[in-house]
C-alpha atoms as a PDB file:
ATOM      1  CA  MET A   1      68.907 119.474 204.039  1.00  0.00           C
ATOM      2  CA  ASP A   2      72.173 119.110 206.026  1.00  0.00           C
ATOM      3  CA  ASP A   3      71.902 121.591 208.912  1.00  0.00           C
ATOM      4  CA  ARG A   4      76.051 121.797 208.690  1.00  0.00           C
ATOM      5  CA  ARG A   5      76.076 123.413 205.924  1.00  0.00           C
ATOM      6  CA  LEU A   6      74.053 126.522 207.604  1.00  0.00           C
ATOM      7  CA  LYS A   7      77.370 126.984 209.412  1.00  0.00           C
ATOM      8  CA  SER A   8      81.189 127.523 208.390  1.00  0.00           C
ATOM      9  CA  HIS A   9      82.695 124.376 208.097  1.00  0.00           C
ATOM     10  CA  VAL A  10      85.739 123.449 209.924  1.00  0.00           C
ATOM     11  CA  LEU A  11      88.232 120.401 209.069  1.00  0.00           C
ATOM     12  CA  VAL A  12      90.513 119.487 212.061  1.00  0.00           C
ATOM     13  CA  VAL A  13      92.986 117.383 210.796  1.00  0.00           C
ATOM     14  CA  GLU A  14      94.945 115.905 214.286  1.00  0.00           C
ATOM     15  CA  ASP A  15      96.111 112.548 214.952  1.00  0.00           C
ATOM     16  CA  GLU A  16      96.296 113.145 218.703  1.00  0.00           C
ATOM     17  CA  LYS A  17      92.467 112.069 219.869  1.00  0.00           C
ATOM     18  CA  ALA A  18      92.535 114.864 222.843  1.00  0.00           C
ATOM     19  CA  ILE A  19      93.611 117.771 221.008  1.00  0.00           C
ATOM     20  CA  ALA A  20      91.097 117.082 218.137  1.00  0.00           C
ATOM     21  CA  ALA A  21      88.461 116.448 220.701  1.00  0.00           C
ATOM     22  CA  PHE A  22      89.326 119.903 222.435  1.00  0.00           C
ATOM     23  CA  VAL A  23      89.542 121.233 219.443  1.00  0.00           C
ATOM     24  CA  GLN A  24      86.240 120.274 218.272  1.00  0.00           C
ATOM     25  CA  ALA A  25      84.669 121.419 221.385  1.00  0.00           C
ATOM     26  CA  ALA A  26      85.600 124.808 221.736  1.00  0.00           C
ATOM     27  CA  LEU A  27      85.004 125.592 217.983  1.00  0.00           C
ATOM     28  CA  GLU A  28      81.730 123.999 218.081  1.00  0.00           C
ATOM     29  CA  ARG A  29      80.984 126.352 221.049  1.00  0.00           C
ATOM     30  CA  GLU A  30      81.890 129.141 218.695  1.00  0.00           C
ATOM     31  CA  GLY A  31      78.962 128.193 216.261  1.00  0.00           C
ATOM     32  CA  LEU A  32      81.313 126.359 213.988  1.00  0.00           C
ATOM     33  CA  ALA A  33      80.287 123.040 212.232  1.00  0.00           C
ATOM     34  CA  VAL A  34      83.418 120.599 213.227  1.00  0.00           C
ATOM     35  CA  ARG A  35      84.681 117.089 211.832  1.00  0.00           C
ATOM     36  CA  VAL A  36      87.886 115.457 212.280  1.00  0.00           C
ATOM     37  CA  ALA A  37      90.421 113.590 210.203  1.00  0.00           C
ATOM     38  CA  ARG A  38      93.160 111.415 211.889  1.00  0.00           C
ATOM     39  CA  SER A  39      95.481 110.970 209.019  1.00  0.00           C
ATOM     40  CA  GLY A  40      96.481 113.073 205.981  1.00  0.00           C
ATOM     41  CA  GLU A  41      94.982 110.080 203.892  1.00  0.00           C
ATOM     42  CA  ALA A  42      91.551 110.879 205.650  1.00  0.00           C
ATOM     43  CA  ALA A  43      91.984 114.449 205.349  1.00  0.00           C
ATOM     44  CA  LEU A  44      92.463 114.573 201.547  1.00  0.00           C
ATOM     45  CA  THR A  45      89.382 112.497 201.172  1.00  0.00           C
ATOM     46  CA  GLN A  46      87.139 114.255 203.389  1.00  0.00           C
ATOM     47  CA  ILE A  47      88.184 117.964 201.816  1.00  0.00           C
ATOM     48  CA  GLU A  48      87.526 116.338 198.266  1.00  0.00           C
ATOM     49  CA  ALA A  49      84.208 115.372 199.469  1.00  0.00           C
ATOM     50  CA  GLU A  50      82.844 117.997 201.678  1.00  0.00           C
ATOM     51  CA  ARG A  51      85.228 120.804 200.682  1.00  0.00           C
ATOM     52  CA  PRO A  52      85.309 123.009 204.139  1.00  0.00           C
ATOM     53  CA  ASP A  53      85.696 126.319 204.730  1.00  0.00           C
ATOM     54  CA  LEU A  54      88.522 126.166 206.501  1.00  0.00           C
ATOM     55  CA  ILE A  55      91.345 123.744 207.628  1.00  0.00           C
ATOM     56  CA  LEU A  56      93.082 123.208 210.945  1.00  0.00           C
ATOM     57  CA  LEU A  57      96.414 121.026 209.897  1.00  0.00           C
ATOM     58  CA  ASP A  58      98.910 119.423 212.126  1.00  0.00           C
ATOM     59  CA  LEU A  59     102.298 119.252 210.669  1.00  0.00           C
ATOM     60  CA  MET A  60     102.994 115.806 212.579  1.00  0.00           C
ATOM     61  CA  LEU A  61     100.601 113.368 211.272  1.00  0.00           C
ATOM     62  CA  PRO A  62     101.146 109.849 210.478  1.00  0.00           C
ATOM     63  CA  GLY A  63     101.604 108.553 206.637  1.00  0.00           C
ATOM     64  CA  LEU A  64     101.253 111.882 205.006  1.00  0.00           C
ATOM     65  CA  ASP A  65     102.207 114.778 206.720  1.00  0.00           C
ATOM     66  CA  GLY A  66     101.026 118.147 207.096  1.00  0.00           C
ATOM     67  CA  PHE A  67     103.404 119.815 204.855  1.00  0.00           C
ATOM     68  CA  GLU A  68     102.557 117.259 201.843  1.00  0.00           C
ATOM     69  CA  VAL A  69      98.578 117.532 202.712  1.00  0.00           C
ATOM     70  CA  CYS A  70      99.395 121.364 202.526  1.00  0.00           C
ATOM     71  CA  ARG A  71     101.046 120.867 198.924  1.00  0.00           C
ATOM     72  CA  ARG A  72      98.407 118.596 197.336  1.00  0.00           C
ATOM     73  CA  VAL A  73      95.282 120.749 198.736  1.00  0.00           C
ATOM     74  CA  ARG A  74      96.960 123.982 197.295  1.00  0.00           C
ATOM     75  CA  ALA A  75      97.580 122.067 193.827  1.00  0.00           C
ATOM     76  CA  GLN A  76      93.561 122.218 193.962  1.00  0.00           C
ATOM     77  CA  LYS A  77      91.328 125.127 193.092  1.00  0.00           C
ATOM     78  CA  PRO A  78      89.431 126.801 194.802  1.00  0.00           C
ATOM     79  CA  TYR A  79      91.657 127.558 197.654  1.00  0.00           C
ATOM     80  CA  ILE A  80      90.626 126.812 201.506  1.00  0.00           C
ATOM     81  CA  PRO A  81      92.052 128.712 204.075  1.00  0.00           C
ATOM     82  CA  ILE A  82      94.684 126.729 206.549  1.00  0.00           C
ATOM     83  CA  ILE A  83      95.980 127.083 209.671  1.00  0.00           C
ATOM     84  CA  MET A  84      99.123 124.662 210.438  1.00  0.00           C
ATOM     85  CA  LEU A  85      99.362 123.597 214.074  1.00  0.00           C
ATOM     86  CA  THR A  86     102.724 122.516 215.075  1.00  0.00           C
ATOM     87  CA  ALA A  87     104.422 121.196 218.288  1.00  0.00           C
ATOM     88  CA  ARG A  88     107.902 122.672 216.796  1.00  0.00           C
ATOM     89  CA  ALA A  89     108.535 126.118 217.300  1.00  0.00           C
ATOM     90  CA  GLU A  90     111.494 126.298 214.713  1.00  0.00           C
ATOM     91  CA  ASP A  91     111.379 128.940 212.233  1.00  0.00           C
ATOM     92  CA  THR A  92     112.192 126.588 209.624  1.00  0.00           C
ATOM     93  CA  ASP A  93     109.088 124.385 209.669  1.00  0.00           C
ATOM     94  CA  LYS A  94     106.769 127.906 209.519  1.00  0.00           C
ATOM     95  CA  ILE A  95     108.431 129.441 206.777  1.00  0.00           C
ATOM     96  CA  VAL A  96     108.374 126.157 205.012  1.00  0.00           C
ATOM     97  CA  GLY A  97     104.336 125.871 206.024  1.00  0.00           C
ATOM     98  CA  LEU A  98     103.752 129.544 204.851  1.00  0.00           C
ATOM     99  CA  GLU A  99     105.765 128.884 201.422  1.00  0.00           C
ATOM    100  CA  LEU A 100     103.460 125.739 200.546  1.00  0.00           C
ATOM    101  CA  GLY A 101     100.637 128.271 201.156  1.00  0.00           C
ATOM    102  CA  ALA A 102      99.355 127.905 204.414  1.00  0.00           C
ATOM    103  CA  ASP A 103      97.684 131.174 205.375  1.00  0.00           C
ATOM    104  CA  ASP A 104      98.519 131.113 209.368  1.00  0.00           C
ATOM    105  CA  TYR A 105     100.208 129.324 211.826  1.00  0.00           C
ATOM    106  CA  ILE A 106      99.899 128.521 215.961  1.00  0.00           C
ATOM    107  CA  THR A 107     102.519 126.620 217.958  1.00  0.00           C
ATOM    108  CA  LYS A 108     101.513 124.187 220.429  1.00  0.00           C
ATOM    109  CA  PRO A 109     100.844 124.507 223.213  1.00  0.00           C
ATOM    110  CA  PHE A 110      97.919 127.085 222.247  1.00  0.00           C
ATOM    111  CA  ASN A 111      95.675 129.588 223.903  1.00  0.00           C
ATOM    112  CA  VAL A 112      92.014 127.965 222.593  1.00  0.00           C
ATOM    113  CA  ARG A 113      91.192 131.656 222.677  1.00  0.00           C
ATOM    114  CA  GLU A 114      93.629 132.911 220.234  1.00  0.00           C
ATOM    115  CA  LEU A 115      93.113 129.709 218.058  1.00  0.00           C
ATOM    116  CA  ALA A 116      89.624 130.676 217.396  1.00  0.00           C
ATOM    117  CA  ALA A 117      90.272 134.366 217.073  1.00  0.00           C
ATOM    118  CA  ARG A 118      92.297 133.484 214.389  1.00  0.00           C
ATOM    119  CA  VAL A 119      90.067 131.129 212.868  1.00  0.00           C
ATOM    120  CA  ARG A 120      86.789 133.644 213.161  1.00  0.00           C
ATOM    121  CA  ALA A 121      89.368 136.187 211.434  1.00  0.00           C
ATOM    122  CA  LEU A 122      89.644 133.898 208.423  1.00  0.00           C
ATOM    123  CA  LEU A 123      86.152 133.245 208.198  1.00  0.00           C
ATOM    124  CA  ARG A 124      85.293 136.615 207.944  1.00  0.00           C
ATOM    125  CA  LEU A 125      87.604 137.475 205.380  1.00  0.00           C
ATOM    126  CA  LEU A 126      86.924 134.767 203.243  1.00  0.00           C
ATOM    127  CA  ARG A 127      83.074 135.885 203.408  1.00  0.00           C
ATOM    128  CA  GLN A 128      83.844 139.268 202.413  1.00  0.00           C
ATOM    129  CA  ALA A 129      86.196 138.257 199.667  1.00  0.00           C
ATOM    130  CA  SER A 130      83.027 136.005 198.316  1.00  0.00           C
ATOM    131  CA  GLY A 131      80.367 138.535 199.029  1.00  0.00           C
ATOM    132  CA  GLY A 132      80.933 141.311 197.228  1.00  0.00           C
ATOM    133  CA  ALA A 133      81.906 143.704 200.098  1.00  0.00           C
ATOM    134  CA  SER A 134      82.464 147.541 198.966  1.00  0.00           C
ATOM    135  CA  THR A 135      86.073 147.664 197.262  1.00  0.00           C
ATOM    136  CA  HIS A 136      87.387 148.989 194.288  1.00  0.00           C
ATOM    137  CA  PHE A 137      89.280 148.487 191.176  1.00  0.00           C
ATOM    138  CA  PHE A 138      93.229 149.579 191.145  1.00  0.00           C
ATOM    139  CA  ARG A 139      95.797 149.963 188.365  1.00  0.00           C
ATOM    140  CA  ALA A 140      99.800 150.145 188.688  1.00  0.00           C
ATOM    141  CA  GLY A 141     101.840 149.868 185.443  1.00  0.00           C
ATOM    142  CA  ASP A 142     100.752 146.949 184.214  1.00  0.00           C
ATOM    143  CA  LEU A 143      99.650 145.124 187.462  1.00  0.00           C
ATOM    144  CA  THR A 144      95.481 145.409 187.919  1.00  0.00           C
ATOM    145  CA  VAL A 145      93.993 144.336 191.143  1.00  0.00           C
ATOM    146  CA  ASP A 146      89.751 144.136 191.194  1.00  0.00           C
ATOM    147  CA  ARG A 147      89.095 143.945 194.646  1.00  0.00           C
ATOM    148  CA  ASP A 148      85.110 143.418 193.544  1.00  0.00           C
ATOM    149  CA  ARG A 149      85.943 140.286 191.194  1.00  0.00           C
ATOM    150  CA  HIS A 150      88.595 139.281 193.421  1.00  0.00           C
ATOM    151  CA  VAL A 151      90.883 138.955 190.319  1.00  0.00           C
ATOM    152  CA  THR A 152      94.719 140.193 190.079  1.00  0.00           C
ATOM    153  CA  ALA A 153      96.543 140.524 186.424  1.00  0.00           C
ATOM    154  CA  ILE A 154      99.080 141.709 184.977  1.00  0.00           C
ATOM    155  CA  GLY A 155      99.117 142.590 181.315  1.00  0.00           C
ATOM    156  CA  GLY A 156      95.930 141.393 181.446  1.00  0.00           C
ATOM    157  CA  ARG A 157      97.221 137.843 182.665  1.00  0.00           C
ATOM    158  CA  PRO A 158      95.555 136.605 185.244  1.00  0.00           C
ATOM    159  CA  ILE A 159      97.561 135.817 188.047  1.00  0.00           C
ATOM    160  CA  ASP A 160      96.888 133.035 190.763  1.00  0.00           C
ATOM    161  CA  LEU A 161      96.673 134.016 194.201  1.00  0.00           C
ATOM    162  CA  THR A 162      95.880 132.486 197.451  1.00  0.00           C
ATOM    163  CA  PRO A 163      92.844 134.439 199.430  1.00  0.00           C
ATOM    164  CA  LYS A 164      95.573 135.828 201.631  1.00  0.00           C
ATOM    165  CA  GLU A 165      97.620 137.100 199.205  1.00  0.00           C
ATOM    166  CA  PHE A 166      95.164 138.697 197.537  1.00  0.00           C
ATOM    167  CA  ASP A 167      94.150 140.581 200.767  1.00  0.00           C
ATOM    168  CA  LEU A 168      97.610 141.699 201.483  1.00  0.00           C
ATOM    169  CA  LEU A 169      98.135 142.839 198.038  1.00  0.00           C
ATOM    170  CA  ALA A 170      95.138 144.617 197.805  1.00  0.00           C
ATOM    171  CA  THR A 171      95.700 146.348 201.284  1.00  0.00           C
ATOM    172  CA  LEU A 172      98.834 147.803 200.391  1.00  0.00           C
ATOM    173  CA  VAL A 173      97.714 148.806 196.666  1.00  0.00           C
ATOM    174  CA  ALA A 174      94.700 150.866 198.029  1.00  0.00           C
ATOM    175  CA  GLU A 175      97.072 153.092 199.997  1.00  0.00           C
ATOM    176  CA  ARG A 176      99.699 152.789 197.877  1.00  0.00           C
ATOM    177  CA  GLY A 177     103.028 154.745 199.007  1.00  0.00           C
ATOM    178  CA  ARG A 178     101.746 154.472 202.387  1.00  0.00           C
ATOM    179  CA  VAL A 179     104.140 152.368 204.705  1.00  0.00           C
ATOM    180  CA  PHE A 180     102.528 149.592 206.529  1.00  0.00           C
ATOM    181  CA  GLY A 181     104.938 147.799 209.721  1.00  0.00           C
ATOM    182  CA  ARG A 182     103.980 144.367 210.102  1.00  0.00           C
ATOM    183  CA  GLU A 183     102.052 144.911 213.133  1.00  0.00           C
ATOM    184  CA  MET A 184      99.458 147.033 211.177  1.00  0.00           C
ATOM    185  CA  LEU A 185      99.664 144.451 207.975  1.00  0.00           C
ATOM    186  CA  LEU A 186      98.639 141.533 210.852  1.00  0.00           C
ATOM    187  CA  GLU A 187      95.697 143.198 212.181  1.00  0.00           C
ATOM    188  CA  ARG A 188      94.036 144.549 208.895  1.00  0.00           C
ATOM    189  CA  VAL A 189      94.574 141.492 207.023  1.00  0.00           C
ATOM    190  CA  TRP A 190      94.475 138.661 209.125  1.00  0.00           C
ATOM    191  CA  GLY A 191      92.309 140.290 211.274  1.00  0.00           C
ATOM    192  CA  TYR A 192      93.901 139.674 214.900  1.00  0.00           C
ATOM    193  CA  ASP A 193      96.012 141.466 216.622  1.00  0.00           C
ATOM    194  CA  TYR A 194     100.022 141.166 216.504  1.00  0.00           C
ATOM    195  CA  MET A 195     101.507 138.721 218.455  1.00  0.00           C
ATOM    196  CA  GLY A 196     105.009 138.418 217.768  1.00  0.00           C
ATOM    197  CA  GLU A 197     104.364 136.565 214.526  1.00  0.00           C
ATOM    198  CA  SER A 198     105.916 139.130 211.977  1.00  0.00           C
ATOM    199  CA  ARG A 199     107.357 136.536 209.666  1.00  0.00           C
ATOM    200  CA  THR A 200     103.966 135.712 208.540  1.00  0.00           C
ATOM    201  CA  VAL A 201     103.828 138.791 206.596  1.00  0.00           C
ATOM    202  CA  ASP A 202     107.742 138.465 205.362  1.00  0.00           C
ATOM    203  CA  VAL A 203     106.580 135.207 203.690  1.00  0.00           C
ATOM    204  CA  HIS A 204     103.971 136.067 201.883  1.00  0.00           C
ATOM    205  CA  ILE A 205     105.356 139.342 200.751  1.00  0.00           C
ATOM    206  CA  GLN A 206     108.300 136.689 199.131  1.00  0.00           C
ATOM    207  CA  ARG A 207     105.411 134.661 197.975  1.00  0.00           C
ATOM    208  CA  LEU A 208     103.645 137.861 196.179  1.00  0.00           C
ATOM    209  CA  ARG A 209     106.972 139.080 194.724  1.00  0.00           C
ATOM    210  CA  GLN A 210     107.610 135.498 192.920  1.00  0.00           C
ATOM    211  CA  LYS A 211     104.378 136.302 191.011  1.00  0.00           C
ATOM    212  CA  ILE A 212     103.993 139.687 190.452  1.00  0.00           C
ATOM    213  CA  GLU A 213     107.446 140.845 190.040  1.00  0.00           C
ATOM    214  CA  ALA A 214     109.278 140.568 186.552  1.00  0.00           C
ATOM    215  CA  ASP A 215     112.493 140.646 189.117  1.00  0.00           C
ATOM    216  CA  PRO A 216     111.788 139.516 192.745  1.00  0.00           C
ATOM    217  CA  ALA A 217     115.366 140.487 194.235  1.00  0.00           C
ATOM    218  CA  ASN A 218     114.748 144.269 192.725  1.00  0.00           C
ATOM    219  CA  PRO A 219     110.753 144.345 193.430  1.00  0.00           C
ATOM    220  CA  ARG A 220     109.516 147.684 191.491  1.00  0.00           C
ATOM    221  CA  TYR A 221     105.730 147.177 193.244  1.00  0.00           C
ATOM    222  CA  LEU A 222     106.075 145.851 197.248  1.00  0.00           C
ATOM    223  CA  LEU A 223     109.120 147.947 198.489  1.00  0.00           C
ATOM    224  CA  THR A 224     110.923 147.135 201.625  1.00  0.00           C
ATOM    225  CA  VAL A 225     111.094 150.268 203.866  1.00  0.00           C
ATOM    226  CA  ARG A 226     114.120 149.678 206.152  1.00  0.00           C
ATOM    227  CA  GLY A 227     113.115 149.118 209.852  1.00  0.00           C
ATOM    228  CA  LEU A 228     109.507 149.868 209.241  1.00  0.00           C
ATOM    229  CA  GLY A 229     107.964 147.640 207.184  1.00  0.00           C
ATOM    230  CA  TYR A 230     106.584 147.513 203.273  1.00  0.00           C
ATOM    231  CA  LYS A 231     104.851 149.767 200.992  1.00  0.00           C
ATOM    232  CA  PHE A 232     103.208 149.448 197.431  1.00  0.00           C
ATOM    233  CA  ALA A 233     105.258 151.617 195.119  1.00  0.00           C
ATOM    234  CA  ALA A 234     103.573 155.235 194.878  1.00  0.00           C
ATOM    235  CA  GLU A 235     102.256 156.281 191.442  1.00  0.00           C
ATOM    236  CA  GLU A 236     105.312 158.619 190.801  1.00  0.00           C
ATOM    237  CA  ASP A 237     107.799 155.907 191.854  1.00  0.00           C
ATOM    238  CA  LEU A 238     106.616 153.364 188.678  1.00  0.00           C
END
């Protein structure tokens, strides 16, 4: 039996050899099994053959870029957590990546401890989601969230959510009516301390609204509390 599968398997998609080797060594010190793909095409081949537990995906790749790789991965099932690596700090790149389904992103040059912490946090949440952690069933109007089965439905019709979208929705609905600041949601859902990337939360809220709200521009469930953050509508508000 391949001992690699006894560990969480991370695929690093990075065309710069020195960076790929640096990241691989750092994550292997964390006890992870790491493979490297040097192009988008090679990454898709490895993903199909091995289905890694998490993907670290550079945006600027030869051939298929990181955006296209992310889009193709998200078109498949089941979902795999994706952290995008970008050398560009423009908000547009980050927003596009998140809208395509990336769970997180980190800008080069990055602190390897921060990268490892984000990887561990996503893997921990993935294990909790698949391991039947003690959770509950919630109903709000015609929306249901079953945290035990990791299923969301509207009027009995299942809704496809990424793991991060589900975790965000489940966090909010579990304490409906409570206002969560972006920093708290980052810590609760992404599993690491707030580091100034609140737009990650905003983009995931927008994606959730597109999927669960009849009118995303006038949400019924996921409400913005100006200057404070977000909340799931209290029962009396529905």
